Amino acid sequence: MFLRSTVAAAATLLATSAFAADLPAYEPAPSVLVPSFTWTGPYVGLQAGYSWGDAKFRALGGRVSSSPDGFVVGAYAGYNFQLDGSPVVLGIETDFNYADIDASRSVLGVRGRTQTDWTGATRARIGYAFDRFLVYGAAGVAYADREVRVRGFGRDSKTAVGWTVGGGVEYAATDNIAVRAEYRYSDFGKDSFRVAGARVRSDYDEHRVMVGVSYKFGW
């Protein structure tokens, strides 16, 4: 009886092992990688920087050049959209800045001054994201206050409109806070001013470097 019981138990064990070997192997479901950060969303920020440029004036058959420069500080707001499953980021942004950009020049004892008190721009952006690091380019419309003043004769001002192009880098330090550095070039074209009854034509272009910090809303 002991021998028969042992043989029966061994046969049952072998049959169970063979049945288990025929069952399909269980494989865990593949894990889905969820991006840790997205650039999509609206944002607002503060920025500051330095501007330098070139202004040319033509009046009474003569030509004078000056090199306005100064600081810029202001705010910006925009919206980014990162394409699904892609590092490409599209966006639109506008900014407005207080400026202290000026230059003075004396010709034949007459002192002239050009000055810009505010600037702004509305730009489209396209970038490539390396997770929290973004490299971008931007282009759009630029506008600025321009004033021409001749001591003892008077002054005139215009709102100049032109185009701007540039690029920069941006880093998301947290899910909501991003810092940036950028360069932009703006060309405001030619404008006519009238000082003491004389017509003065002037063109102005500008280079600028800026740093900024923004808050991105997690909507």
C-alpha atoms as a PDB file:
ATOM      1  CA  MET A   1       0.000   0.000   0.000  1.00  0.00           C
ATOM      2  CA  PHE A   2       2.852   2.405   0.784  1.00  0.00           C
ATOM      3  CA  LEU A   3       4.474   1.688  -2.591  1.00  0.00           C
ATOM      4  CA  ARG A   4       1.162   2.220  -4.425  1.00  0.00           C
ATOM      5  CA  SER A   5       0.577   5.542  -2.596  1.00  0.00           C
ATOM      6  CA  THR A   6       4.081   6.788  -3.432  1.00  0.00           C
ATOM      7  CA  VAL A   7       3.692   5.898  -7.122  1.00  0.00           C
ATOM      8  CA  ALA A   8       0.259   7.596  -7.257  1.00  0.00           C
ATOM      9  CA  ALA A   9       1.592  10.807  -5.662  1.00  0.00           C
ATOM     10  CA  ALA A  10       4.535  10.931  -8.064  1.00  0.00           C
ATOM     11  CA  ALA A  11       2.229  10.459 -11.063  1.00  0.00           C
ATOM     12  CA  THR A  12      -0.067  13.267  -9.856  1.00  0.00           C
ATOM     13  CA  LEU A  13       2.891  15.639  -9.408  1.00  0.00           C
ATOM     14  CA  LEU A  14       4.208  14.905 -12.897  1.00  0.00           C
ATOM     15  CA  ALA A  15       0.778  15.460 -14.473  1.00  0.00           C
ATOM     16  CA  THR A  16       0.311  18.776 -12.653  1.00  0.00           C
ATOM     17  CA  SER A  17       3.777  19.989 -13.796  1.00  0.00           C
ATOM     18  CA  ALA A  18       3.049  19.053 -17.401  1.00  0.00           C
ATOM     19  CA  PHE A  19      -0.302  20.898 -17.310  1.00  0.00           C
ATOM     20  CA  ALA A  20       1.340  24.014 -15.851  1.00  0.00           C
ATOM     21  CA  ALA A  21       4.007  23.943 -18.565  1.00  0.00           C
ATOM     22  CA  ASP A  22       1.295  24.057 -21.229  1.00  0.00           C
ATOM     23  CA  LEU A  23      -0.294  27.236 -19.801  1.00  0.00           C
ATOM     24  CA  PRO A  24       0.643  30.576 -21.546  1.00  0.00           C
ATOM     25  CA  ALA A  25       3.301  32.622 -19.742  1.00  0.00           C
ATOM     26  CA  TYR A  26       2.044  35.781 -17.987  1.00  0.00           C
ATOM     27  CA  GLU A  27       3.706  39.010 -19.088  1.00  0.00           C
ATOM     28  CA  PRO A  28       3.139  42.269 -17.186  1.00  0.00           C
ATOM     29  CA  ALA A  29       1.505  45.102 -19.131  1.00  0.00           C
ATOM     30  CA  PRO A  30       4.040  47.567 -20.566  1.00  0.00           C
ATOM     31  CA  SER A  31       4.416  50.710 -18.485  1.00  0.00           C
ATOM     32  CA  VAL A  32       3.261  53.994 -20.033  1.00  0.00           C
ATOM     33  CA  LEU A  33       5.741  56.867 -19.731  1.00  0.00           C
ATOM     34  CA  VAL A  34       4.000  60.097 -18.756  1.00  0.00           C
ATOM     35  CA  PRO A  35       6.009  63.279 -19.459  1.00  0.00           C
ATOM     36  CA  SER A  36       7.132  64.912 -16.240  1.00  0.00           C
ATOM     37  CA  PHE A  37       6.643  68.439 -17.627  1.00  0.00           C
ATOM     38  CA  THR A  38       4.831  70.229 -20.433  1.00  0.00           C
ATOM     39  CA  TRP A  39       5.311  73.787 -21.688  1.00  0.00           C
ATOM     40  CA  THR A  40       1.614  74.091 -22.542  1.00  0.00           C
ATOM     41  CA  GLY A  41      -0.200  76.880 -20.729  1.00  0.00           C
ATOM     42  CA  PRO A  42      -0.495  80.645 -20.233  1.00  0.00           C
ATOM     43  CA  TYR A  43       2.209  82.615 -18.428  1.00  0.00           C
ATOM     44  CA  VAL A  44       3.126  86.102 -17.231  1.00  0.00           C
ATOM     45  CA  GLY A  45       6.580  87.451 -16.420  1.00  0.00           C
ATOM     46  CA  LEU A  46       8.905  90.342 -15.663  1.00  0.00           C
ATOM     47  CA  GLN A  47      12.027  91.223 -17.673  1.00  0.00           C
ATOM     48  CA  ALA A  48      14.915  93.671 -17.787  1.00  0.00           C
ATOM     49  CA  GLY A  49      17.814  94.286 -20.133  1.00  0.00           C
ATOM     50  CA  TYR A  50      20.052  96.604 -22.111  1.00  0.00           C
ATOM     51  CA  SER A  51      19.449  98.203 -25.509  1.00  0.00           C
ATOM     52  CA  TRP A  52      21.807  99.782 -28.027  1.00  0.00           C
ATOM     53  CA  GLY A  53      21.174 100.918 -31.575  1.00  0.00           C
ATOM     54  CA  ASP A  54      21.744 103.329 -34.411  1.00  0.00           C
ATOM     55  CA  ALA A  55      19.679 106.386 -35.399  1.00  0.00           C
ATOM     56  CA  LYS A  56      20.237 108.439 -38.560  1.00  0.00           C
ATOM     57  CA  PHE A  57      18.776 111.899 -39.151  1.00  0.00           C
ATOM     58  CA  ARG A  58      18.394 113.806 -42.423  1.00  0.00           C
ATOM     59  CA  ALA A  59      17.449 117.477 -42.500  1.00  0.00           C
ATOM     60  CA  LEU A  60      18.326 120.547 -44.620  1.00  0.00           C
ATOM     61  CA  GLY A  61      20.453 118.419 -46.914  1.00  0.00           C
ATOM     62  CA  GLY A  62      22.673 117.093 -44.089  1.00  0.00           C
ATOM     63  CA  ARG A  63      22.936 113.772 -42.321  1.00  0.00           C
ATOM     64  CA  VAL A  64      23.729 113.057 -38.648  1.00  0.00           C
ATOM     65  CA  SER A  65      24.084 109.713 -36.870  1.00  0.00           C
ATOM     66  CA  SER A  66      23.825 108.854 -33.195  1.00  0.00           C
ATOM     67  CA  SER A  67      23.938 105.693 -31.095  1.00  0.00           C
ATOM     68  CA  PRO A  68      21.110 105.588 -28.532  1.00  0.00           C
ATOM     69  CA  ASP A  69      21.472 103.140 -25.651  1.00  0.00           C
ATOM     70  CA  GLY A  70      20.015 102.506 -22.215  1.00  0.00           C
ATOM     71  CA  PHE A  71      18.109 100.081 -20.031  1.00  0.00           C
ATOM     72  CA  VAL A  72      14.697  98.470 -20.484  1.00  0.00           C
ATOM     73  CA  VAL A  73      12.393  96.973 -17.826  1.00  0.00           C
ATOM     74  CA  GLY A  74       8.882  95.637 -18.291  1.00  0.00           C
ATOM     75  CA  ALA A  75       6.431  92.745 -18.324  1.00  0.00           C
ATOM     76  CA  TYR A  76       5.366  90.057 -20.787  1.00  0.00           C
ATOM     77  CA  ALA A  77       2.516  87.560 -21.171  1.00  0.00           C
ATOM     78  CA  GLY A  78       1.864  84.716 -23.557  1.00  0.00           C
ATOM     79  CA  TYR A  79       0.656  81.202 -24.229  1.00  0.00           C
ATOM     80  CA  ASN A  80       2.652  78.091 -25.203  1.00  0.00           C
ATOM     81  CA  PHE A  81       1.329  74.896 -26.758  1.00  0.00           C
ATOM     82  CA  GLN A  82       3.534  71.792 -26.834  1.00  0.00           C
ATOM     83  CA  LEU A  83       2.453  69.321 -29.516  1.00  0.00           C
ATOM     84  CA  ASP A  84       1.341  65.929 -28.176  1.00  0.00           C
ATOM     85  CA  GLY A  85       4.241  63.505 -27.986  1.00  0.00           C
ATOM     86  CA  SER A  86       6.559  66.060 -29.576  1.00  0.00           C
ATOM     87  CA  PRO A  87       9.310  68.413 -28.375  1.00  0.00           C
ATOM     88  CA  VAL A  88       7.964  71.202 -30.645  1.00  0.00           C
ATOM     89  CA  VAL A  89       6.503  74.179 -28.767  1.00  0.00           C
ATOM     90  CA  LEU A  90       4.419  76.888 -30.463  1.00  0.00           C
ATOM     91  CA  GLY A  91       3.401  80.129 -28.814  1.00  0.00           C
ATOM     92  CA  ILE A  92       2.468  83.782 -28.960  1.00  0.00           C
ATOM     93  CA  GLU A  93       3.720  86.537 -26.660  1.00  0.00           C
ATOM     94  CA  THR A  94       3.376  90.278 -26.124  1.00  0.00           C
ATOM     95  CA  ASP A  95       5.417  92.618 -23.934  1.00  0.00           C
ATOM     96  CA  PHE A  96       5.474  96.250 -22.862  1.00  0.00           C
ATOM     97  CA  ASN A  97       8.477  98.007 -21.335  1.00  0.00           C
ATOM     98  CA  TYR A  98       9.567 101.247 -19.764  1.00  0.00           C
ATOM     99  CA  ALA A  99      12.766 102.434 -21.461  1.00  0.00           C
ATOM    100  CA  ASP A 100      15.493 104.969 -20.829  1.00  0.00           C
ATOM    101  CA  ILE A 101      17.160 104.909 -24.255  1.00  0.00           C
ATOM    102  CA  ASP A 102      18.710 108.143 -25.525  1.00  0.00           C
ATOM    103  CA  ALA A 103      21.631 109.812 -27.248  1.00  0.00           C
ATOM    104  CA  SER A 104      22.764 113.420 -27.712  1.00  0.00           C
ATOM    105  CA  ARG A 105      24.763 114.980 -30.529  1.00  0.00           C
ATOM    106  CA  SER A 106      25.985 118.527 -31.232  1.00  0.00           C
ATOM    107  CA  VAL A 107      26.366 119.859 -34.788  1.00  0.00           C
ATOM    108  CA  LEU A 108      27.607 123.414 -35.442  1.00  0.00           C
ATOM    109  CA  GLY A 109      26.806 124.348 -31.860  1.00  0.00           C
ATOM    110  CA  VAL A 110      23.243 123.019 -32.046  1.00  0.00           C
ATOM    111  CA  ARG A 111      22.534 120.150 -29.660  1.00  0.00           C
ATOM    112  CA  GLY A 112      20.046 117.486 -30.671  1.00  0.00           C
ATOM    113  CA  ARG A 113      18.702 114.557 -28.678  1.00  0.00           C
ATOM    114  CA  THR A 114      16.813 111.383 -29.566  1.00  0.00           C
ATOM    115  CA  GLN A 115      14.931 109.506 -26.858  1.00  0.00           C
ATOM    116  CA  THR A 116      12.738 106.426 -26.380  1.00  0.00           C
ATOM    117  CA  ASP A 117      10.573 106.152 -23.252  1.00  0.00           C
ATOM    118  CA  TRP A 118       8.688 102.910 -23.930  1.00  0.00           C
ATOM    119  CA  THR A 119       8.792  99.904 -26.252  1.00  0.00           C
ATOM    120  CA  GLY A 120       6.680  96.853 -26.946  1.00  0.00           C
ATOM    121  CA  ALA A 121       6.297  93.886 -29.273  1.00  0.00           C
ATOM    122  CA  THR A 122       3.895  91.095 -30.217  1.00  0.00           C
ATOM    123  CA  ARG A 123       5.689  87.977 -31.452  1.00  0.00           C
ATOM    124  CA  ALA A 124       5.056  84.416 -32.559  1.00  0.00           C
ATOM    125  CA  ARG A 125       7.397  81.827 -31.049  1.00  0.00           C
ATOM    126  CA  ILE A 126       8.568  78.364 -32.061  1.00  0.00           C
ATOM    127  CA  GLY A 127      10.820  76.250 -29.886  1.00  0.00           C
ATOM    128  CA  TYR A 128      12.332  72.818 -29.292  1.00  0.00           C
ATOM    129  CA  ALA A 129      12.061  71.405 -25.786  1.00  0.00           C
ATOM    130  CA  PHE A 130      14.561  69.172 -24.037  1.00  0.00           C
ATOM    131  CA  ASP A 131      12.152  68.376 -21.196  1.00  0.00           C
ATOM    132  CA  ARG A 132      12.490  71.498 -18.977  1.00  0.00           C
ATOM    133  CA  PHE A 133      14.990  73.247 -21.259  1.00  0.00           C
ATOM    134  CA  LEU A 134      13.607  75.198 -24.242  1.00  0.00           C
ATOM    135  CA  VAL A 135      15.443  76.761 -27.183  1.00  0.00           C
ATOM    136  CA  TYR A 136      13.241  79.147 -29.183  1.00  0.00           C
ATOM    137  CA  GLY A 137      13.087  81.728 -31.943  1.00  0.00           C
ATOM    138  CA  ALA A 138      10.602  84.598 -32.167  1.00  0.00           C
ATOM    139  CA  ALA A 139       9.498  87.191 -34.709  1.00  0.00           C
ATOM    140  CA  GLY A 140       6.745  89.768 -34.988  1.00  0.00           C
ATOM    141  CA  VAL A 141       5.756  93.424 -34.787  1.00  0.00           C
ATOM    142  CA  ALA A 142       7.667  95.971 -32.666  1.00  0.00           C
ATOM    143  CA  TYR A 143       6.583  99.445 -31.620  1.00  0.00           C
ATOM    144  CA  ALA A 144       8.246 102.228 -29.652  1.00  0.00           C
ATOM    145  CA  ASP A 145       7.994 105.849 -28.622  1.00  0.00           C
ATOM    146  CA  ARG A 146      10.503 108.053 -30.435  1.00  0.00           C
ATOM    147  CA  GLU A 147      11.204 111.694 -29.652  1.00  0.00           C
ATOM    148  CA  VAL A 148      13.517 114.124 -31.426  1.00  0.00           C
ATOM    149  CA  ARG A 149      14.488 117.288 -29.551  1.00  0.00           C
ATOM    150  CA  VAL A 150      16.647 120.218 -30.673  1.00  0.00           C
ATOM    151  CA  ARG A 151      17.663 122.534 -27.873  1.00  0.00           C
ATOM    152  CA  GLY A 152      16.235 126.014 -28.350  1.00  0.00           C
ATOM    153  CA  PHE A 153      14.055 125.005 -31.295  1.00  0.00           C
ATOM    154  CA  GLY A 154      11.532 122.439 -30.067  1.00  0.00           C
ATOM    155  CA  ARG A 155      10.713 118.750 -30.216  1.00  0.00           C
ATOM    156  CA  ASP A 156       8.424 116.212 -31.868  1.00  0.00           C
ATOM    157  CA  SER A 157       7.497 112.599 -31.120  1.00  0.00           C
ATOM    158  CA  LYS A 158       6.076 109.600 -32.979  1.00  0.00           C
ATOM    159  CA  THR A 159       5.007 106.028 -32.292  1.00  0.00           C
ATOM    160  CA  ALA A 160       7.319 104.034 -34.531  1.00  0.00           C
ATOM    161  CA  VAL A 161       6.221 100.617 -35.832  1.00  0.00           C
ATOM    162  CA  GLY A 162       8.575  98.034 -37.292  1.00  0.00           C
ATOM    163  CA  TRP A 163       9.548  94.387 -37.136  1.00  0.00           C
ATOM    164  CA  THR A 164      11.586  92.321 -34.702  1.00  0.00           C
ATOM    165  CA  VAL A 165      13.328  88.939 -34.720  1.00  0.00           C
ATOM    166  CA  GLY A 166      15.366  87.101 -32.123  1.00  0.00           C
ATOM    167  CA  GLY A 167      15.791  83.995 -30.015  1.00  0.00           C
ATOM    168  CA  GLY A 168      16.649  82.711 -26.595  1.00  0.00           C
ATOM    169  CA  VAL A 169      16.785  79.903 -24.075  1.00  0.00           C
ATOM    170  CA  GLU A 170      14.352  79.171 -21.268  1.00  0.00           C
ATOM    171  CA  TYR A 171      14.521  76.812 -18.289  1.00  0.00           C
ATOM    172  CA  ALA A 172      11.610  75.633 -16.135  1.00  0.00           C
ATOM    173  CA  ALA A 173      13.085  75.651 -12.640  1.00  0.00           C
ATOM    174  CA  THR A 174       9.765  74.293 -11.263  1.00  0.00           C
ATOM    175  CA  ASP A 175       6.439  73.302 -12.821  1.00  0.00           C
ATOM    176  CA  ASN A 176       5.363  76.952 -12.586  1.00  0.00           C
ATOM    177  CA  ILE A 177       8.531  79.098 -12.563  1.00  0.00           C
ATOM    178  CA  ALA A 178      10.701  79.593 -15.676  1.00  0.00           C
ATOM    179  CA  VAL A 179      13.739  81.799 -16.274  1.00  0.00           C
ATOM    180  CA  ARG A 180      15.006  82.991 -19.656  1.00  0.00           C
ATOM    181  CA  ALA A 181      17.680  84.911 -21.525  1.00  0.00           C
ATOM    182  CA  GLU A 182      17.214  86.237 -25.046  1.00  0.00           C
ATOM    183  CA  TYR A 183      18.493  88.514 -27.793  1.00  0.00           C
ATOM    184  CA  ARG A 184      16.345  90.450 -30.250  1.00  0.00           C
ATOM    185  CA  TYR A 185      16.886  92.821 -33.150  1.00  0.00           C
ATOM    186  CA  SER A 186      14.259  95.427 -34.094  1.00  0.00           C
ATOM    187  CA  ASP A 187      14.028  97.737 -37.098  1.00  0.00           C
ATOM    188  CA  PHE A 188      11.587 100.634 -36.679  1.00  0.00           C
ATOM    189  CA  GLY A 189      11.961 101.999 -40.188  1.00  0.00           C
ATOM    190  CA  LYS A 190      11.822 105.709 -41.106  1.00  0.00           C
ATOM    191  CA  ASP A 191       9.666 108.417 -39.540  1.00  0.00           C
ATOM    192  CA  SER A 192       9.251 112.136 -40.203  1.00  0.00           C
ATOM    193  CA  PHE A 193       9.478 114.724 -37.424  1.00  0.00           C
ATOM    194  CA  ARG A 194       8.854 118.459 -37.575  1.00  0.00           C
ATOM    195  CA  VAL A 195      11.032 120.652 -35.354  1.00  0.00           C
ATOM    196  CA  ALA A 196      10.859 124.469 -35.571  1.00  0.00           C
ATOM    197  CA  GLY A 197       9.125 124.216 -38.940  1.00  0.00           C
ATOM    198  CA  ALA A 198      11.853 122.010 -40.433  1.00  0.00           C
ATOM    199  CA  ARG A 199      11.225 118.436 -41.534  1.00  0.00           C
ATOM    200  CA  VAL A 200      13.545 115.837 -40.010  1.00  0.00           C
ATOM    201  CA  ARG A 201      13.570 112.252 -41.300  1.00  0.00           C
ATOM    202  CA  SER A 202      15.004 109.562 -39.072  1.00  0.00           C
ATOM    203  CA  ASP A 203      15.408 105.770 -39.090  1.00  0.00           C
ATOM    204  CA  TYR A 204      16.208 103.655 -36.058  1.00  0.00           C
ATOM    205  CA  ASP A 205      17.271 100.057 -35.424  1.00  0.00           C
ATOM    206  CA  GLU A 206      17.942  98.410 -32.092  1.00  0.00           C
ATOM    207  CA  HIS A 207      19.736  95.460 -30.516  1.00  0.00           C
ATOM    208  CA  ARG A 208      18.662  94.184 -27.139  1.00  0.00           C
ATOM    209  CA  VAL A 209      19.587  91.534 -24.564  1.00  0.00           C
ATOM    210  CA  MET A 210      17.020  90.609 -21.921  1.00  0.00           C
ATOM    211  CA  VAL A 211      16.603  88.301 -18.930  1.00  0.00           C
ATOM    212  CA  GLY A 212      13.245  87.399 -17.434  1.00  0.00           C
ATOM    213  CA  VAL A 213      11.350  85.249 -14.975  1.00  0.00           C
ATOM    214  CA  SER A 214       7.777  84.035 -15.515  1.00  0.00           C
ATOM    215  CA  TYR A 215       4.968  82.165 -13.786  1.00  0.00           C
ATOM    216  CA  LYS A 216       3.184  79.476 -15.818  1.00  0.00           C
ATOM    217  CA  PHE A 217      -0.382  78.670 -14.868  1.00  0.00           C
ATOM    218  CA  GLY A 218      -1.125  74.963 -14.722  1.00  0.00           C
ATOM    219  CA  TRP A 219      -4.492  75.104 -16.502  1.00  0.00           C
END
